[in-house]
C-alpha atoms as a PDB file:
ATOM      1  CA  MET A   1     -93.398   8.503-177.831  1.00  0.00           C
ATOM      2  CA  ILE A   2     -92.522  11.863-176.726  1.00  0.00           C
ATOM      3  CA  THR A   3     -94.023  15.026-178.322  1.00  0.00           C
ATOM      4  CA  LYS A   4     -91.879  16.779-181.082  1.00  0.00           C
ATOM      5  CA  ALA A   5     -91.423  19.758-178.573  1.00  0.00           C
ATOM      6  CA  THR A   6     -90.415  17.796-175.782  1.00  0.00           C
ATOM      7  CA  LYS A   7     -87.714  15.975-178.186  1.00  0.00           C
ATOM      8  CA  THR A   8     -86.566  19.425-179.258  1.00  0.00           C
ATOM      9  CA  ARG A   9     -86.239  20.797-175.890  1.00  0.00           C
ATOM     10  CA  TRP A  10     -84.659  17.683-174.820  1.00  0.00           C
ATOM     11  CA  LEU A  11     -81.863  18.017-177.572  1.00  0.00           C
ATOM     12  CA  ASN A  12     -81.253  21.578-177.176  1.00  0.00           C
ATOM     13  CA  ALA A  13     -80.442  21.110-173.020  1.00  0.00           C
ATOM     14  CA  LEU A  14     -78.020  18.568-174.228  1.00  0.00           C
ATOM     15  CA  ARG A  15     -76.441  20.761-176.742  1.00  0.00           C
ATOM     16  CA  SER A  16     -76.238  23.913-174.740  1.00  0.00           C
ATOM     17  CA  ASN A  17     -73.275  23.103-172.584  1.00  0.00           C
ATOM     18  CA  LYS A  18     -75.278  24.132-169.499  1.00  0.00           C
ATOM     19  CA  TYR A  19     -74.877  20.459-168.053  1.00  0.00           C
ATOM     20  CA  THR A  20     -72.051  18.950-167.256  1.00  0.00           C
ATOM     21  CA  LYS A  21     -72.349  15.299-167.852  1.00  0.00           C
ATOM     22  CA  GLY A  22     -72.761  12.424-165.440  1.00  0.00           C
ATOM     23  CA  THR A  23     -73.700   8.705-164.641  1.00  0.00           C
ATOM     24  CA  GLY A  24     -75.611   6.565-162.212  1.00  0.00           C
ATOM     25  CA  SER A  25     -78.373   8.835-161.339  1.00  0.00           C
ATOM     26  CA  MET A  26     -80.164  11.644-163.159  1.00  0.00           C
ATOM     27  CA  ARG A  27     -78.516  14.544-160.974  1.00  0.00           C
ATOM     28  CA  ASN A  28     -75.279  13.987-158.764  1.00  0.00           C
ATOM     29  CA  LYS A  29     -74.395  17.421-157.277  1.00  0.00           C
ATOM     30  CA  ASN A  30     -74.197  19.600-160.763  1.00  0.00           C
ATOM     31  CA  CYS A  31     -73.601  16.541-162.861  1.00  0.00           C
ATOM     32  CA  TYR A  32     -76.732  15.178-164.671  1.00  0.00           C
ATOM     33  CA  ASP A  33     -77.288  12.265-166.922  1.00  0.00           C
ATOM     34  CA  ALA A  34     -79.239  12.631-170.362  1.00  0.00           C
ATOM     35  CA  MET A  35     -82.698  11.536-168.317  1.00  0.00           C
ATOM     36  CA  GLY A  36     -81.885  14.369-165.283  1.00  0.00           C
ATOM     37  CA  VAL A  37     -81.198  16.805-168.341  1.00  0.00           C
ATOM     38  CA  LEU A  38     -84.857  15.598-170.075  1.00  0.00           C
ATOM     39  CA  CYS A  39     -86.414  16.578-166.461  1.00  0.00           C
ATOM     40  CA  ASP A  40     -84.780  19.352-165.930  1.00  0.00           C
ATOM     41  CA  ALA A  41     -85.237  20.925-169.444  1.00  0.00           C
ATOM     42  CA  THR A  42     -88.844  20.397-169.531  1.00  0.00           C
ATOM     43  CA  GLY A  43     -89.432  21.089-165.736  1.00  0.00           C
ATOM     44  CA  ASN A  44     -90.361  17.937-164.554  1.00  0.00           C
ATOM     45  CA  SER A  45     -87.413  17.934-162.266  1.00  0.00           C
ATOM     46  CA  LYS A  46     -89.867  19.653-159.482  1.00  0.00           C
ATOM     47  CA  ASN A  47     -90.914  16.968-156.606  1.00  0.00           C
ATOM     48  CA  ARG A  48     -88.491  14.781-158.021  1.00  0.00           C
ATOM     49  CA  ASN A  49     -85.949  12.529-156.700  1.00  0.00           C
ATOM     50  CA  MET A  50     -83.375  13.625-159.107  1.00  0.00           C
ATOM     51  CA  SER A  51     -80.716  11.206-157.508  1.00  0.00           C
ATOM     52  CA  GLN A  52     -82.563   8.297-158.532  1.00  0.00           C
ATOM     53  CA  THR A  53     -81.356   6.340-161.393  1.00  0.00           C
ATOM     54  CA  TYR A  54     -83.052   4.985-164.217  1.00  0.00           C
ATOM     55  CA  PRO A  55     -84.699   3.404-165.784  1.00  0.00           C
ATOM     56  CA  ARG A  56     -87.465   3.539-163.235  1.00  0.00           C
ATOM     57  CA  LEU A  57     -89.025  -0.050-162.101  1.00  0.00           C
ATOM     58  CA  ASN A  58     -92.073  -0.682-160.674  1.00  0.00           C
ATOM     59  CA  LYS A  59     -93.009  -2.826-157.681  1.00  0.00           C
ATOM     60  CA  ASN A  60     -92.610  -5.752-159.543  1.00  0.00           C
ATOM     61  CA  GLY A  61     -89.006  -4.756-161.120  1.00  0.00           C
ATOM     62  CA  ALA A  62     -90.176  -4.112-164.667  1.00  0.00           C
ATOM     63  CA  VAL A  63     -89.501  -0.675-166.271  1.00  0.00           C
ATOM     64  CA  GLN A  64     -91.945   1.841-166.904  1.00  0.00           C
ATOM     65  CA  THR A  65     -92.699   4.204-169.615  1.00  0.00           C
ATOM     66  CA  PHE A  66     -91.376   7.794-168.278  1.00  0.00           C
ATOM     67  CA  MET A  67     -92.082  11.167-170.267  1.00  0.00           C
ATOM     68  CA  GLY A  68     -93.004   8.834-173.153  1.00  0.00           C
ATOM     69  CA  LEU A  69     -90.133   6.786-173.319  1.00  0.00           C
ATOM     70  CA  SER A  70     -90.345   3.026-173.456  1.00  0.00           C
ATOM     71  CA  PRO A  71     -88.534   1.007-171.324  1.00  0.00           C
ATOM     72  CA  SER A  72     -86.109  -0.215-174.101  1.00  0.00           C
ATOM     73  CA  THR A  73     -85.321   3.427-175.229  1.00  0.00           C
ATOM     74  CA  GLN A  74     -84.711   4.173-171.553  1.00  0.00           C
ATOM     75  CA  GLU A  75     -82.448   1.470-171.234  1.00  0.00           C
ATOM     76  CA  ARG A  76     -80.439   2.333-174.366  1.00  0.00           C
ATOM     77  CA  ILE A  77     -80.316   5.998-173.725  1.00  0.00           C
ATOM     78  CA  ASN A  78     -78.796   5.392-170.281  1.00  0.00           C
ATOM     79  CA  ILE A  79     -76.257   2.571-171.937  1.00  0.00           C
ATOM     80  CA  ILE A  80     -75.076   5.437-174.425  1.00  0.00           C
ATOM     81  CA  ASN A  81     -74.941   7.634-171.680  1.00  0.00           C
ATOM     82  CA  ASP A  82     -72.928   5.609-169.269  1.00  0.00           C
ATOM     83  CA  SER A  83     -70.573   4.716-171.522  1.00  0.00           C
ATOM     84  CA  THR A  84     -69.520   8.041-173.345  1.00  0.00           C
ATOM     85  CA  ASN A  85     -67.594  11.244-172.014  1.00  0.00           C
ATOM     86  CA  ASP A  86     -70.343  13.703-173.321  1.00  0.00           C
ATOM     87  CA  PHE A  87     -73.518  13.965-174.980  1.00  0.00           C
ATOM     88  CA  SER A  88     -72.521  13.538-178.067  1.00  0.00           C
ATOM     89  CA  GLU A  89     -73.512   9.820-178.914  1.00  0.00           C
ATOM     90  CA  VAL A  90     -77.041  10.235-176.708  1.00  0.00           C
ATOM     91  CA  ILE A  91     -77.749  13.087-179.231  1.00  0.00           C
ATOM     92  CA  ARG A  92     -77.087  11.219-182.041  1.00  0.00           C
ATOM     93  CA  TYR A  93     -79.135   8.446-180.856  1.00  0.00           C
ATOM     94  CA  ILE A  94     -82.144  10.953-179.973  1.00  0.00           C
ATOM     95  CA  SER A  95     -82.253  12.585-183.030  1.00  0.00           C
ATOM     96  CA  ARG A  96     -82.105   9.547-185.574  1.00  0.00           C
ATOM     97  CA  ASN A  97     -83.957   7.037-183.453  1.00  0.00           C
ATOM     98  CA  LEU A  98     -86.929   8.943-181.416  1.00  0.00           C
ATOM     99  CA  LYS A  99     -89.934   8.927-183.103  1.00  0.00           C
ATOM    100  CA  VAL A 100     -92.543  11.862-182.048  1.00  0.00           C
ATOM    101  CA  LYS A 101     -96.359  11.886-181.623  1.00  0.00           C
ATOM    102  CA  SER A 102     -97.785  13.664-184.736  1.00  0.00           C
END
């Protein structure tokens, strides 16, 4: 689970129109996918290869937890991100489904 502050910061960034939506990698030139927005908005883009795709895989090919997001949540967000033209569906999914740490 992510923290309430992280969820709020992520949603605000997705709603801000600061980020041009992209697919396939966290950042490609000036376009970001939802996970790239998460990294940038929380300061976790420093020293990170933002051209990587998500979800992250370990050496055995299994999806790793990232910033409190389970593998299945990461995959769901990426599917939504890559199948829509803007962040509205991702925002809706995060708002309704992401539980936060108490």
